[in-house]
Protein backbone atom coordinates (compact mmCIF):
# COMPACT_ATOMS: atom_id res chain seq x y z
CA UNK A 1 0.00 0.00 0.00
CA UNK A 2 2.72 2.50 0.91
CA UNK A 3 4.25 2.18 -2.56
CA UNK A 4 1.17 3.97 -3.97
CA UNK A 5 1.29 6.89 -1.54
CA UNK A 6 2.39 10.07 -3.28
CA UNK A 7 1.95 8.67 -6.81
CA UNK A 8 -1.13 10.72 -7.61
CA UNK A 9 -3.64 7.88 -7.45
CA UNK A 10 -5.69 9.50 -4.68
CA UNK A 11 -5.68 12.85 -6.50
CA UNK A 12 -6.82 11.19 -9.74
CA UNK A 13 -9.65 9.39 -7.94
CA UNK A 14 -10.71 12.57 -6.13
CA UNK A 15 -10.69 14.56 -9.36
CA UNK A 16 -12.85 11.84 -11.00
CA UNK A 17 -15.30 11.92 -8.06
CA UNK A 18 -15.61 15.70 -8.22
CA UNK A 19 -16.06 15.61 -11.99
CA UNK A 20 -18.75 12.93 -11.66
CA UNK A 21 -20.58 14.90 -8.96
CA UNK A 22 -20.49 18.02 -11.14
CA UNK A 23 -21.73 16.10 -14.19
CA UNK A 24 -24.70 14.92 -12.12
CA UNK A 25 -25.31 18.51 -11.01
CA UNK A 26 -24.80 17.56 -7.36
CA UNK A 27 -24.58 20.33 -4.83
CA UNK A 28 -21.71 18.66 -3.04
CA UNK A 29 -19.96 15.58 -1.74
CA UNK A 30 -20.26 14.17 1.78
CA UNK A 31 -17.71 11.79 3.24
CA UNK A 32 -16.87 10.23 6.56
CA UNK A 33 -13.32 9.61 7.75
CA UNK A 34 -12.02 8.01 10.92
CA UNK A 35 -11.20 10.83 13.30
CA UNK A 36 -7.69 9.46 13.96
CA UNK A 37 -6.70 9.16 10.29
CA UNK A 38 -4.66 12.36 10.12
CA UNK A 39 -3.20 11.64 6.68
CA UNK A 40 -6.68 11.23 5.15
CA UNK A 41 -7.98 14.31 6.96
CA UNK A 42 -5.10 16.40 5.55
CA UNK A 43 -5.79 15.02 2.05
CA UNK A 44 -9.50 15.87 2.19
CA UNK A 45 -8.87 19.33 3.63
CA UNK A 46 -6.33 19.99 0.87
CA UNK A 47 -9.12 19.31 -1.62
CA UNK A 48 -11.37 21.83 0.12
CA UNK A 49 -13.52 19.51 2.24
CA UNK A 50 -14.64 21.07 5.52
CA UNK A 51 -15.63 19.21 8.68
CA UNK A 52 -19.31 19.64 9.45
CA UNK A 53 -19.95 17.06 12.17
CA UNK A 54 -19.25 13.69 13.71
CA UNK A 55 -20.95 10.31 13.62
CA UNK A 56 -20.40 7.01 15.38
CA UNK A 57 -18.90 4.12 13.45
CA UNK A 58 -18.79 0.63 14.93
CA UNK A 59 -15.86 -1.53 13.88
CA UNK A 60 -16.43 -5.01 15.23
CA UNK A 61 -17.35 -4.29 18.84
CA UNK A 62 -15.35 -1.07 18.99
CA UNK A 63 -17.21 2.22 18.70
CA UNK A 64 -15.20 4.79 16.73
CA UNK A 65 -15.90 8.37 15.74
CA UNK A 66 -15.93 9.44 12.10
CA UNK A 67 -15.64 13.07 11.11
CA UNK A 68 -18.17 14.12 8.48
CA UNK A 69 -16.83 16.37 5.72
CA UNK A 70 -18.60 18.36 3.01
CA UNK A 71 -17.35 19.78 -0.29
CA UNK A 72 -19.65 22.03 -2.34
CA UNK A 73 -18.90 20.99 -5.93
CA UNK A 74 -20.94 23.64 -7.69
CA UNK A 75 -18.29 26.25 -6.76
CA UNK A 76 -15.31 24.02 -5.93
CA UNK A 77 -13.25 24.37 -9.10
CA UNK A 78 -13.73 28.13 -9.37
CA UNK A 79 -12.11 28.67 -5.97
CA UNK A 80 -8.81 30.58 -6.34
CA UNK A 81 -7.31 28.88 -3.29
CA UNK A 82 -7.58 25.52 -5.10
CA UNK A 83 -5.55 26.98 -7.99
CA UNK A 84 -2.84 27.97 -5.51
CA UNK A 85 -2.68 24.36 -4.29
CA UNK A 86 -2.38 23.10 -7.87
CA UNK A 87 -5.65 21.19 -7.74
CA UNK A 88 -7.06 22.42 -11.05
Foldseek 3Di string as FASTA:
>chain_A
DVVCPPVCPVLVVVVVVLVVCVVVVHQKDKDWDFPPPVVVVVVVVLQPWDFDAWDWDQDPNDITIITMTIDGSVCRVVDVVNVVSVSD
